[in-house]
N, C-alpha and C. Protein backbone atom coordinates (compact mmCIF):
# COMPACT_ATOMS: atom_id res chain seq x y z
N MET A 1 -18.22 -23.52 18.43
CA MET A 1 -17.67 -23.41 17.12
C MET A 1 -17.12 -21.97 16.94
N LYS A 2 -16.10 -21.78 16.29
CA LYS A 2 -15.35 -20.41 16.11
C LYS A 2 -16.39 -19.39 15.55
N THR A 3 -17.07 -19.79 14.43
CA THR A 3 -18.00 -18.80 13.91
C THR A 3 -18.92 -18.46 14.76
N ASP A 4 -19.57 -19.30 15.60
CA ASP A 4 -20.55 -18.67 16.59
C ASP A 4 -19.97 -17.68 17.60
N HIS A 5 -18.76 -17.96 17.94
CA HIS A 5 -18.11 -17.07 19.00
C HIS A 5 -17.98 -15.78 18.26
N ILE A 6 -17.57 -15.66 16.99
CA ILE A 6 -17.50 -14.45 16.29
C ILE A 6 -18.74 -13.82 16.07
N LYS A 7 -19.78 -14.52 15.79
CA LYS A 7 -21.14 -13.75 15.61
C LYS A 7 -21.49 -13.26 17.04
N CYS A 8 -21.29 -14.00 18.06
CA CYS A 8 -21.53 -13.55 19.47
C CYS A 8 -20.84 -12.15 19.74
N LEU A 9 -19.59 -12.27 19.36
CA LEU A 9 -18.93 -10.96 19.72
C LEU A 9 -19.30 -9.90 18.93
N LEU A 10 -19.64 -10.10 17.47
CA LEU A 10 -20.18 -8.98 16.65
C LEU A 10 -21.64 -8.42 17.12
N SER A 11 -22.34 -9.27 17.76
CA SER A 11 -23.81 -8.74 18.05
C SER A 11 -23.79 -8.03 19.47
N LYS A 12 -22.74 -8.13 20.14
CA LYS A 12 -22.84 -7.31 21.40
C LYS A 12 -22.75 -5.79 21.21
N LYS A 13 -23.72 -5.24 21.66
CA LYS A 13 -23.89 -3.67 21.45
C LYS A 13 -22.72 -2.98 22.36
N ARG A 14 -22.50 -3.41 23.47
CA ARG A 14 -21.53 -2.59 24.47
C ARG A 14 -20.24 -2.51 23.92
N LEU A 15 -19.75 -3.23 23.07
CA LEU A 15 -18.45 -3.14 22.49
C LEU A 15 -18.48 -2.42 21.22
N CYS A 16 -17.54 -1.51 21.10
CA CYS A 16 -17.46 -0.84 19.69
C CYS A 16 -16.89 -1.72 18.68
N HIS A 17 -17.05 -1.56 17.46
CA HIS A 17 -16.59 -2.50 16.37
C HIS A 17 -15.16 -2.69 16.43
N SER A 18 -14.28 -1.50 16.52
CA SER A 18 -12.89 -1.80 16.64
C SER A 18 -12.44 -2.73 17.62
N CYS A 19 -13.18 -2.36 18.81
CA CYS A 19 -12.77 -3.30 20.06
C CYS A 19 -13.26 -4.78 19.86
N ARG A 20 -14.33 -4.97 19.13
CA ARG A 20 -14.65 -6.41 18.65
C ARG A 20 -13.68 -6.99 17.70
N LEU A 21 -13.23 -6.05 16.96
CA LEU A 21 -12.27 -6.71 15.96
C LEU A 21 -10.87 -7.03 16.78
N GLU A 22 -10.51 -6.35 17.64
CA GLU A 22 -9.22 -6.50 18.29
C GLU A 22 -9.53 -7.83 19.23
N LEU A 23 -10.71 -8.16 19.64
CA LEU A 23 -10.93 -9.34 20.35
C LEU A 23 -10.86 -10.51 19.34
N LEU A 24 -11.27 -10.38 18.21
CA LEU A 24 -11.19 -11.33 17.07
C LEU A 24 -9.67 -11.48 16.76
N ILE A 25 -9.13 -10.45 16.57
CA ILE A 25 -7.79 -10.53 16.02
C ILE A 25 -6.71 -9.99 16.91
N GLN A 26 -6.09 -10.93 17.86
CA GLN A 26 -5.05 -10.38 18.88
C GLN A 26 -3.82 -9.92 18.16
N ASP A 27 -3.55 -10.51 17.13
CA ASP A 27 -2.27 -10.18 16.40
C ASP A 27 -2.58 -8.89 15.61
N ARG A 28 -1.81 -7.87 16.05
CA ARG A 28 -1.76 -6.61 15.28
C ARG A 28 -1.47 -6.49 13.85
N ASP A 29 -0.29 -7.33 13.66
CA ASP A 29 0.20 -7.35 12.23
C ASP A 29 -0.76 -8.10 11.35
N LEU A 30 -1.41 -9.03 11.79
CA LEU A 30 -2.45 -9.73 10.96
C LEU A 30 -3.50 -8.77 10.60
N LEU A 31 -3.95 -7.92 11.59
CA LEU A 31 -5.14 -6.92 11.39
C LEU A 31 -4.40 -5.97 10.25
N GLU A 32 -3.24 -5.39 10.39
CA GLU A 32 -2.79 -4.44 9.47
C GLU A 32 -2.61 -5.33 8.10
N THR A 33 -2.22 -6.39 7.98
CA THR A 33 -2.05 -7.14 6.77
C THR A 33 -3.35 -7.32 6.11
N LEU A 34 -4.35 -7.65 6.86
CA LEU A 34 -5.77 -7.74 6.28
C LEU A 34 -6.23 -6.55 5.68
N SER A 35 -6.19 -5.52 6.54
CA SER A 35 -6.50 -4.14 6.06
C SER A 35 -5.61 -3.71 4.74
N TYR A 36 -4.30 -3.87 4.66
CA TYR A 36 -3.54 -3.49 3.50
C TYR A 36 -4.07 -4.40 2.37
N ALA A 37 -4.28 -5.68 2.48
CA ALA A 37 -4.53 -6.40 1.38
C ALA A 37 -6.05 -6.19 0.92
N SER A 38 -6.91 -5.99 1.94
CA SER A 38 -8.38 -5.61 1.52
C SER A 38 -8.28 -4.30 0.64
N ARG A 39 -7.68 -3.31 1.18
CA ARG A 39 -7.45 -1.93 0.28
C ARG A 39 -6.87 -2.30 -1.05
N ARG A 40 -5.92 -3.06 -1.12
CA ARG A 40 -5.24 -3.33 -2.57
C ARG A 40 -6.28 -3.90 -3.41
N ILE A 41 -6.98 -4.87 -2.90
CA ILE A 41 -8.07 -5.46 -3.72
C ILE A 41 -9.11 -4.50 -4.13
N ILE A 42 -9.65 -3.70 -3.28
CA ILE A 42 -10.57 -2.78 -3.51
C ILE A 42 -10.13 -1.88 -4.61
N ALA A 43 -8.82 -1.27 -4.47
CA ALA A 43 -8.08 -0.53 -5.44
C ALA A 43 -8.00 -1.19 -6.71
N GLU A 44 -7.76 -2.34 -6.89
CA GLU A 44 -7.70 -3.08 -8.12
C GLU A 44 -9.06 -3.13 -8.85
N SER A 45 -10.22 -2.92 -7.87
CA SER A 45 -11.58 -2.89 -8.45
C SER A 45 -11.92 -1.49 -8.79
N CYS A 46 -11.12 -0.67 -8.94
CA CYS A 46 -11.31 0.76 -9.28
C CYS A 46 -12.34 1.54 -8.36
N ILE A 47 -12.49 1.06 -7.16
CA ILE A 47 -13.20 1.72 -6.18
C ILE A 47 -12.60 2.85 -5.52
N SER A 48 -13.15 4.16 -5.66
CA SER A 48 -12.25 5.25 -5.17
C SER A 48 -12.47 5.30 -3.68
N PHE A 49 -11.35 5.83 -3.08
CA PHE A 49 -11.34 5.83 -1.61
C PHE A 49 -12.23 7.10 -1.10
N ARG A 50 -12.70 8.02 -2.02
CA ARG A 50 -13.46 9.17 -1.56
C ARG A 50 -14.94 8.81 -1.02
N PHE A 51 -15.34 7.50 -1.57
CA PHE A 51 -16.73 7.07 -1.24
C PHE A 51 -16.66 6.59 0.23
N LYS A 52 -17.88 6.73 0.89
CA LYS A 52 -17.89 6.01 2.26
C LYS A 52 -17.89 4.59 2.18
N GLY A 53 -18.28 4.01 0.96
CA GLY A 53 -18.38 2.70 0.98
C GLY A 53 -17.06 1.99 0.82
N TYR A 54 -16.12 2.71 0.53
CA TYR A 54 -14.76 2.41 0.52
C TYR A 54 -14.47 1.78 1.77
N GLN A 55 -14.62 2.54 2.84
CA GLN A 55 -14.34 2.06 4.26
C GLN A 55 -15.13 0.80 4.63
N TYR A 56 -16.45 0.99 4.45
CA TYR A 56 -17.52 0.11 4.66
C TYR A 56 -17.06 -1.30 4.14
N ILE A 57 -16.57 -1.21 2.89
CA ILE A 57 -16.07 -2.49 2.17
C ILE A 57 -14.97 -3.12 2.78
N THR A 58 -13.99 -2.20 3.22
CA THR A 58 -12.82 -2.75 3.83
C THR A 58 -13.06 -3.33 5.10
N GLU A 59 -13.96 -2.92 5.95
CA GLU A 59 -14.40 -3.55 7.20
C GLU A 59 -15.15 -4.85 6.99
N ALA A 60 -16.13 -4.74 5.92
CA ALA A 60 -16.77 -6.07 5.68
C ALA A 60 -16.07 -7.04 5.29
N MET A 61 -15.02 -6.84 4.38
CA MET A 61 -14.11 -8.06 3.96
C MET A 61 -13.16 -8.60 5.13
N ILE A 62 -12.86 -7.74 6.12
CA ILE A 62 -12.00 -8.25 7.35
C ILE A 62 -12.95 -9.16 8.15
N ILE A 63 -14.27 -8.49 8.30
CA ILE A 63 -15.21 -9.35 9.02
C ILE A 63 -15.56 -10.74 8.39
N LEU A 64 -15.79 -10.61 7.09
CA LEU A 64 -16.20 -11.71 6.28
C LEU A 64 -14.91 -12.76 6.12
N TYR A 65 -13.64 -12.29 6.25
CA TYR A 65 -12.59 -13.12 6.27
C TYR A 65 -12.66 -14.15 7.44
N PHE A 66 -13.14 -13.68 8.70
CA PHE A 66 -13.27 -14.41 9.66
C PHE A 66 -14.52 -15.35 9.78
N CYS A 67 -15.62 -14.65 9.34
CA CYS A 67 -16.80 -15.11 9.65
C CYS A 67 -17.18 -16.09 8.48
N GLY A 68 -16.86 -15.83 7.32
CA GLY A 68 -17.22 -16.63 6.15
C GLY A 68 -18.80 -16.28 5.70
N GLN A 69 -19.42 -17.01 4.86
CA GLN A 69 -20.87 -16.73 4.48
C GLN A 69 -21.54 -17.22 5.56
N SER A 70 -22.08 -16.49 6.46
CA SER A 70 -22.90 -16.82 7.59
C SER A 70 -24.29 -16.94 7.16
N GLN A 71 -25.16 -17.77 7.80
CA GLN A 71 -26.44 -17.74 7.63
C GLN A 71 -27.25 -16.59 7.87
N GLY A 72 -26.73 -15.52 8.73
CA GLY A 72 -27.53 -14.37 8.86
C GLY A 72 -27.36 -13.45 7.72
N GLY A 73 -26.26 -13.61 6.85
CA GLY A 73 -26.13 -12.68 5.70
C GLY A 73 -25.62 -11.40 6.12
N LEU A 74 -25.38 -10.71 5.05
CA LEU A 74 -24.87 -9.21 5.26
C LEU A 74 -25.87 -8.32 6.04
N THR A 75 -27.17 -8.44 5.76
CA THR A 75 -27.88 -7.37 6.34
C THR A 75 -28.28 -7.86 7.78
N LYS A 76 -28.12 -8.97 8.38
CA LYS A 76 -28.34 -9.20 9.73
C LYS A 76 -27.17 -9.22 10.65
N LEU A 77 -25.80 -9.31 10.07
CA LEU A 77 -24.79 -9.40 10.89
C LEU A 77 -23.75 -8.41 10.54
N ILE A 78 -23.34 -8.34 9.25
CA ILE A 78 -22.18 -7.45 8.72
C ILE A 78 -22.57 -5.97 8.75
N TYR A 79 -23.66 -5.57 8.21
CA TYR A 79 -23.98 -4.28 8.13
C TYR A 79 -24.23 -3.51 9.38
N PRO A 80 -25.12 -4.22 10.35
CA PRO A 80 -25.16 -3.52 11.69
C PRO A 80 -23.82 -3.48 12.35
N ALA A 81 -22.91 -4.48 12.32
CA ALA A 81 -21.62 -4.12 12.92
C ALA A 81 -20.81 -3.04 12.39
N ILE A 82 -20.84 -2.87 11.07
CA ILE A 82 -20.16 -1.73 10.39
C ILE A 82 -20.93 -0.48 11.00
N ALA A 83 -22.18 -0.58 10.78
CA ALA A 83 -22.89 0.72 11.16
C ALA A 83 -22.72 1.18 12.53
N SER A 84 -22.56 0.27 13.54
CA SER A 84 -22.30 0.68 15.03
C SER A 84 -20.96 1.42 15.05
N GLN A 85 -20.02 0.92 14.25
CA GLN A 85 -18.68 1.59 14.31
C GLN A 85 -18.85 3.13 13.79
N TYR A 86 -19.50 3.27 12.72
CA TYR A 86 -19.45 4.53 12.15
C TYR A 86 -20.73 5.39 12.42
N ASN A 87 -21.57 4.87 13.46
CA ASN A 87 -22.69 5.58 13.94
C ASN A 87 -23.68 6.01 12.94
N VAL A 88 -23.91 5.08 12.07
CA VAL A 88 -24.94 5.22 10.87
C VAL A 88 -25.85 4.10 10.89
N SER A 89 -26.89 4.09 10.13
CA SER A 89 -27.78 3.09 10.02
C SER A 89 -27.18 1.92 9.12
N SER A 90 -27.85 0.70 9.22
CA SER A 90 -27.38 -0.42 8.29
C SER A 90 -27.70 -0.10 6.89
N ALA A 91 -28.73 0.57 6.67
CA ALA A 91 -29.24 1.07 5.33
C ALA A 91 -28.08 2.08 4.67
N SER A 92 -27.63 2.79 5.54
CA SER A 92 -26.64 3.82 4.98
C SER A 92 -25.36 2.93 4.61
N VAL A 93 -25.09 2.04 5.32
CA VAL A 93 -23.90 1.05 5.03
C VAL A 93 -24.09 0.41 3.95
N GLU A 94 -25.28 -0.26 3.49
CA GLU A 94 -25.66 -0.89 2.31
C GLU A 94 -25.75 -0.10 1.19
N THR A 95 -26.22 1.33 1.29
CA THR A 95 -26.19 2.24 0.21
C THR A 95 -24.78 2.77 -0.16
N GLY A 96 -23.99 3.08 0.78
CA GLY A 96 -22.72 3.36 0.61
C GLY A 96 -21.75 2.31 -0.16
N ILE A 97 -21.94 1.06 0.18
CA ILE A 97 -21.27 0.02 -0.70
C ILE A 97 -21.85 -0.09 -1.95
N ARG A 98 -23.04 0.02 -2.04
CA ARG A 98 -23.74 -0.22 -3.38
C ARG A 98 -23.30 0.93 -4.31
N ASN A 99 -23.52 2.29 -3.85
CA ASN A 99 -22.87 3.46 -4.65
C ASN A 99 -21.43 3.36 -5.10
N ALA A 100 -20.52 2.85 -4.29
CA ALA A 100 -19.20 2.73 -4.55
C ALA A 100 -18.88 1.63 -5.66
N ILE A 101 -19.66 0.48 -5.47
CA ILE A 101 -19.56 -0.55 -6.45
C ILE A 101 -20.18 -0.13 -7.86
N LYS A 102 -21.35 0.62 -7.80
CA LYS A 102 -21.97 1.05 -8.88
C LYS A 102 -21.22 1.98 -9.81
N TRP A 103 -20.62 3.11 -9.05
CA TRP A 103 -19.59 3.97 -9.52
C TRP A 103 -18.50 3.43 -10.29
N ALA A 104 -17.97 2.50 -9.50
CA ALA A 104 -16.70 1.75 -10.23
C ALA A 104 -17.06 0.89 -11.43
N TRP A 105 -18.10 0.33 -11.29
CA TRP A 105 -18.63 -0.45 -12.51
C TRP A 105 -18.84 0.42 -13.76
N PHE A 106 -19.64 1.36 -13.49
CA PHE A 106 -20.05 2.15 -14.78
C PHE A 106 -19.05 3.07 -15.26
N THR A 107 -18.09 3.41 -14.29
CA THR A 107 -16.94 4.57 -14.73
C THR A 107 -15.88 3.70 -15.47
N HIS A 108 -15.55 2.57 -14.83
CA HIS A 108 -14.28 1.90 -15.40
C HIS A 108 -14.36 0.60 -16.21
N ARG A 109 -15.69 0.09 -16.37
CA ARG A 109 -15.78 -1.25 -17.06
C ARG A 109 -15.27 -1.22 -18.49
N ASP A 110 -15.31 -0.12 -19.19
CA ASP A 110 -14.74 -0.01 -20.65
C ASP A 110 -13.16 -0.25 -20.52
N ILE A 111 -12.66 0.70 -19.66
CA ILE A 111 -11.15 0.64 -19.34
C ILE A 111 -10.66 -0.73 -19.06
N VAL A 112 -11.29 -1.33 -18.08
CA VAL A 112 -10.94 -2.65 -17.55
C VAL A 112 -11.09 -3.80 -18.68
N GLY A 113 -12.27 -3.59 -19.18
CA GLY A 113 -12.50 -4.64 -20.22
C GLY A 113 -11.34 -4.60 -21.25
N LYS A 114 -10.92 -3.68 -21.85
CA LYS A 114 -9.76 -3.42 -22.75
C LYS A 114 -8.49 -4.13 -22.11
N VAL A 115 -8.25 -4.00 -20.84
CA VAL A 115 -7.01 -4.45 -20.22
C VAL A 115 -7.27 -6.04 -20.19
N LEU A 116 -8.50 -6.51 -19.62
CA LEU A 116 -8.77 -7.99 -19.43
C LEU A 116 -8.50 -8.73 -20.93
N GLU A 117 -8.98 -8.12 -21.97
CA GLU A 117 -8.74 -8.66 -23.17
C GLU A 117 -7.21 -8.77 -23.53
N GLU A 118 -6.42 -7.81 -23.28
CA GLU A 118 -5.14 -7.76 -23.65
C GLU A 118 -4.29 -8.93 -22.51
N GLU A 119 -4.71 -8.93 -21.40
CA GLU A 119 -4.02 -9.79 -20.45
C GLU A 119 -4.50 -11.22 -20.84
N GLU A 120 -5.63 -11.57 -21.21
CA GLU A 120 -6.14 -12.94 -21.59
C GLU A 120 -5.28 -13.42 -22.71
N GLN A 121 -4.84 -12.54 -23.52
CA GLN A 121 -3.84 -13.03 -24.56
C GLN A 121 -2.60 -13.62 -24.11
N VAL A 122 -2.14 -12.97 -22.96
CA VAL A 122 -0.88 -13.46 -22.35
C VAL A 122 -1.20 -14.49 -21.23
N ASN A 123 -2.53 -14.92 -21.09
CA ASN A 123 -2.78 -16.04 -20.12
C ASN A 123 -2.59 -15.52 -18.57
N GLN A 124 -2.84 -14.28 -18.43
CA GLN A 124 -2.77 -13.71 -17.06
C GLN A 124 -4.12 -13.31 -16.71
N ASN A 125 -4.45 -13.85 -15.29
CA ASN A 125 -5.73 -13.39 -14.74
C ASN A 125 -5.52 -12.29 -13.80
N PRO A 126 -6.03 -11.12 -14.09
CA PRO A 126 -5.64 -9.98 -13.07
C PRO A 126 -6.43 -10.30 -11.76
N LEU A 127 -5.86 -9.66 -10.64
CA LEU A 127 -6.64 -9.54 -9.38
C LEU A 127 -7.67 -8.54 -9.42
N ASN A 128 -8.95 -8.93 -9.72
CA ASN A 128 -9.96 -7.93 -9.93
C ASN A 128 -11.36 -8.59 -9.54
N ALA A 129 -11.81 -8.32 -8.30
CA ALA A 129 -13.00 -8.75 -7.75
C ALA A 129 -14.21 -8.15 -8.64
N MET A 130 -14.05 -6.99 -9.23
CA MET A 130 -15.10 -6.36 -9.71
C MET A 130 -15.59 -6.90 -10.95
N PHE A 131 -14.40 -7.05 -11.79
CA PHE A 131 -14.66 -7.30 -13.27
C PHE A 131 -14.83 -8.78 -13.67
N GLN A 132 -14.91 -9.59 -12.66
CA GLN A 132 -15.08 -10.98 -12.93
C GLN A 132 -16.35 -11.33 -13.34
N PHE A 133 -17.37 -10.27 -13.18
CA PHE A 133 -18.79 -10.45 -13.43
C PHE A 133 -19.04 -9.83 -14.93
N ASP A 134 -20.04 -10.41 -15.48
CA ASP A 134 -20.53 -9.81 -16.77
C ASP A 134 -21.70 -8.66 -16.53
N HIS A 135 -22.07 -8.58 -15.29
CA HIS A 135 -22.95 -7.73 -14.89
C HIS A 135 -22.62 -6.97 -13.70
N ARG A 136 -23.16 -5.60 -13.39
CA ARG A 136 -22.72 -5.02 -12.08
C ARG A 136 -22.99 -5.88 -10.95
N PRO A 137 -22.02 -6.20 -10.18
CA PRO A 137 -22.14 -7.25 -8.96
C PRO A 137 -23.00 -6.49 -7.99
N THR A 138 -23.87 -7.39 -7.21
CA THR A 138 -24.54 -6.96 -6.13
C THR A 138 -23.45 -6.86 -4.96
N ASN A 139 -23.87 -6.28 -3.98
CA ASN A 139 -22.91 -6.00 -2.79
C ASN A 139 -22.45 -7.43 -2.38
N SER A 140 -23.29 -8.35 -2.07
CA SER A 140 -22.96 -9.61 -1.66
C SER A 140 -22.03 -10.32 -2.60
N GLU A 141 -22.41 -10.25 -3.84
CA GLU A 141 -21.36 -10.89 -4.86
C GLU A 141 -20.08 -10.26 -4.77
N TYR A 142 -19.98 -8.98 -4.89
CA TYR A 142 -18.67 -8.25 -4.78
C TYR A 142 -17.94 -8.62 -3.46
N LEU A 143 -18.52 -8.37 -2.40
CA LEU A 143 -17.98 -8.66 -0.90
C LEU A 143 -17.47 -10.04 -0.95
N TYR A 144 -18.28 -11.21 -1.26
CA TYR A 144 -17.82 -12.47 -1.17
C TYR A 144 -16.71 -12.77 -2.10
N GLY A 145 -16.82 -12.26 -3.22
CA GLY A 145 -15.75 -12.52 -4.36
C GLY A 145 -14.42 -11.90 -3.92
N ALA A 146 -14.44 -10.54 -3.44
CA ALA A 146 -13.35 -10.06 -2.88
C ALA A 146 -12.78 -10.54 -1.73
N THR A 147 -13.66 -11.15 -0.79
CA THR A 147 -13.06 -11.73 0.44
C THR A 147 -12.42 -13.05 -0.04
N LEU A 148 -12.98 -13.70 -1.07
CA LEU A 148 -12.27 -14.97 -1.47
C LEU A 148 -10.87 -14.68 -1.94
N LEU A 149 -10.73 -13.47 -2.72
CA LEU A 149 -9.57 -13.14 -3.25
C LEU A 149 -8.50 -12.63 -1.97
N LEU A 150 -9.19 -12.31 -0.74
CA LEU A 150 -8.37 -11.99 0.19
C LEU A 150 -7.80 -13.26 0.80
N HIS A 151 -8.71 -14.33 0.87
CA HIS A 151 -8.29 -15.49 1.51
C HIS A 151 -7.14 -16.25 0.73
N GLN A 152 -7.27 -16.00 -0.73
CA GLN A 152 -6.34 -16.74 -1.52
C GLN A 152 -5.08 -16.00 -1.19
N ALA A 153 -5.05 -14.68 -1.21
CA ALA A 153 -3.76 -13.77 -1.01
C ALA A 153 -3.23 -13.98 0.12
N LEU A 154 -3.88 -14.33 1.40
CA LEU A 154 -3.19 -14.58 2.51
C LEU A 154 -2.74 -15.96 2.85
N GLN A 155 -3.41 -16.90 2.10
CA GLN A 155 -2.93 -18.29 2.08
C GLN A 155 -1.68 -18.48 1.42
N THR A 156 -1.49 -17.59 0.33
CA THR A 156 -0.43 -17.76 -0.58
C THR A 156 0.89 -17.40 0.14
N SER A 157 0.92 -16.14 0.79
CA SER A 157 2.01 -15.84 1.60
C SER A 157 1.63 -14.57 2.40
N PRO A 158 1.38 -14.81 3.58
CA PRO A 158 0.68 -13.63 4.39
C PRO A 158 2.05 -12.71 4.85
N VAL A 159 3.29 -13.22 4.62
CA VAL A 159 4.36 -12.23 5.01
C VAL A 159 4.67 -11.05 4.13
N ASP A 160 4.53 -11.26 2.75
CA ASP A 160 4.77 -10.19 1.90
C ASP A 160 3.60 -10.11 0.75
N ILE A 161 2.60 -9.35 1.29
CA ILE A 161 1.37 -9.40 0.46
C ILE A 161 1.51 -8.50 -0.87
N THR A 162 2.61 -7.69 -0.94
CA THR A 162 2.76 -6.83 -2.06
C THR A 162 3.05 -7.67 -3.23
N THR A 163 3.82 -8.77 -3.14
CA THR A 163 4.00 -9.69 -4.23
C THR A 163 2.79 -10.46 -4.70
N LEU A 164 1.87 -10.34 -3.81
CA LEU A 164 0.69 -11.31 -4.26
C LEU A 164 -0.31 -10.59 -5.12
N ILE A 165 -0.27 -9.42 -5.02
CA ILE A 165 -1.32 -8.53 -5.74
C ILE A 165 -1.56 -8.87 -7.31
N PRO A 166 -0.44 -8.66 -8.14
CA PRO A 166 -0.76 -8.91 -9.46
C PRO A 166 -0.69 -10.48 -9.95
N SER A 167 -0.18 -11.29 -9.06
CA SER A 167 -0.19 -12.67 -9.60
C SER A 167 -0.82 -13.87 -9.01
N PHE A 168 -1.50 -13.56 -7.78
CA PHE A 168 -2.06 -14.66 -6.93
C PHE A 168 -3.02 -15.46 -7.56
N ALA A 169 -3.93 -14.60 -8.26
CA ALA A 169 -5.14 -15.27 -9.00
C ALA A 169 -4.72 -16.25 -10.11
N ARG A 170 -3.55 -16.24 -10.48
CA ARG A 170 -3.36 -17.34 -11.50
C ARG A 170 -3.01 -18.46 -10.80
N ASP A 171 -3.38 -19.67 -11.46
CA ASP A 171 -3.16 -21.02 -10.97
C ASP A 171 -2.42 -21.90 -11.97
N GLU A 172 -1.21 -21.62 -12.27
CA GLU A 172 -0.42 -22.26 -13.24
C GLU A 172 -0.13 -23.64 -12.92
N SER A 173 -0.34 -24.12 -11.76
CA SER A 173 -0.08 -25.49 -11.48
C SER A 173 -1.21 -26.44 -11.84
N GLY A 174 -2.51 -25.87 -11.99
CA GLY A 174 -3.56 -26.56 -12.34
C GLY A 174 -4.16 -27.41 -11.18
N VAL A 175 -3.71 -27.15 -10.02
CA VAL A 175 -4.39 -27.75 -8.58
C VAL A 175 -5.71 -27.39 -8.53
N ASN A 176 -6.30 -26.25 -8.70
CA ASN A 176 -7.67 -25.95 -8.44
C ASN A 176 -8.41 -25.99 -9.73
N GLU A 177 -8.08 -26.80 -10.59
CA GLU A 177 -8.92 -27.23 -11.70
C GLU A 177 -10.04 -28.14 -11.09
N ILE A 178 -11.22 -27.96 -11.79
CA ILE A 178 -12.41 -28.93 -11.38
C ILE A 178 -12.32 -29.96 -12.49
N PRO A 179 -12.23 -31.21 -11.97
CA PRO A 179 -12.26 -32.30 -12.94
C PRO A 179 -13.50 -32.34 -13.67
N ASP A 180 -13.43 -32.68 -15.00
CA ASP A 180 -14.66 -33.16 -15.79
C ASP A 180 -15.48 -34.08 -15.19
N GLU A 181 -16.82 -33.74 -15.27
CA GLU A 181 -17.71 -34.86 -14.73
C GLU A 181 -17.85 -35.99 -15.93
N GLU A 182 -17.94 -37.26 -15.61
CA GLU A 182 -18.13 -38.12 -16.51
C GLU A 182 -19.30 -38.69 -16.47
C-alpha cells in the first residue's frame, strides 16, 4: 500500500527529511505548489512566519497530504520526521507548533471573529483552518483541518492555486452536503 511505503521512507534515519520528501514527490512543481498552498493556508490562519512552528507546520501539512491520518499519529511519525530535518527533538517540534497556534489564536481571534460575522452575512466561508473551531485547536486538530483544506485546494485546481485561496471552501453546488438522516 502507498501509505506503508511512505511510512517506511519517513522512518529511515539515513535519509534526510528533504531527501525523503523528494523520493515521495518526484514532481518538483507539485512540491512547490504544496509548499505555496500550505503557506497561504497558514497565513490565512494568522500564524506569523517568525515562529519556528511556522516551518514545522508547513512540513507537517505536506507530509500529512501524502500520509493522511496515520495510525502512528503525529508524535510517532510526523514530529520525528520534521525533527530529523531541523536537528531538534520531537518535543521541540510539538512545542513550536503549539506556540504558533496558541499565539495566533489568542492574538487574532477577536479580529477574525468580526470578519467571520461580516462574511457570514454574505454567505461566504473564509479559507481559515484556525478559526473554524470555537476553542483553541490542538496541534492535531489544526494540522488535520489545514491539510483537509490543502487537499480541497489542490483537488479544485492544482494549476492556479492563487485563485483557490479566497473561495475554495465554499460549496455553492451543494455537492458536499450531508443528507438528513431519516
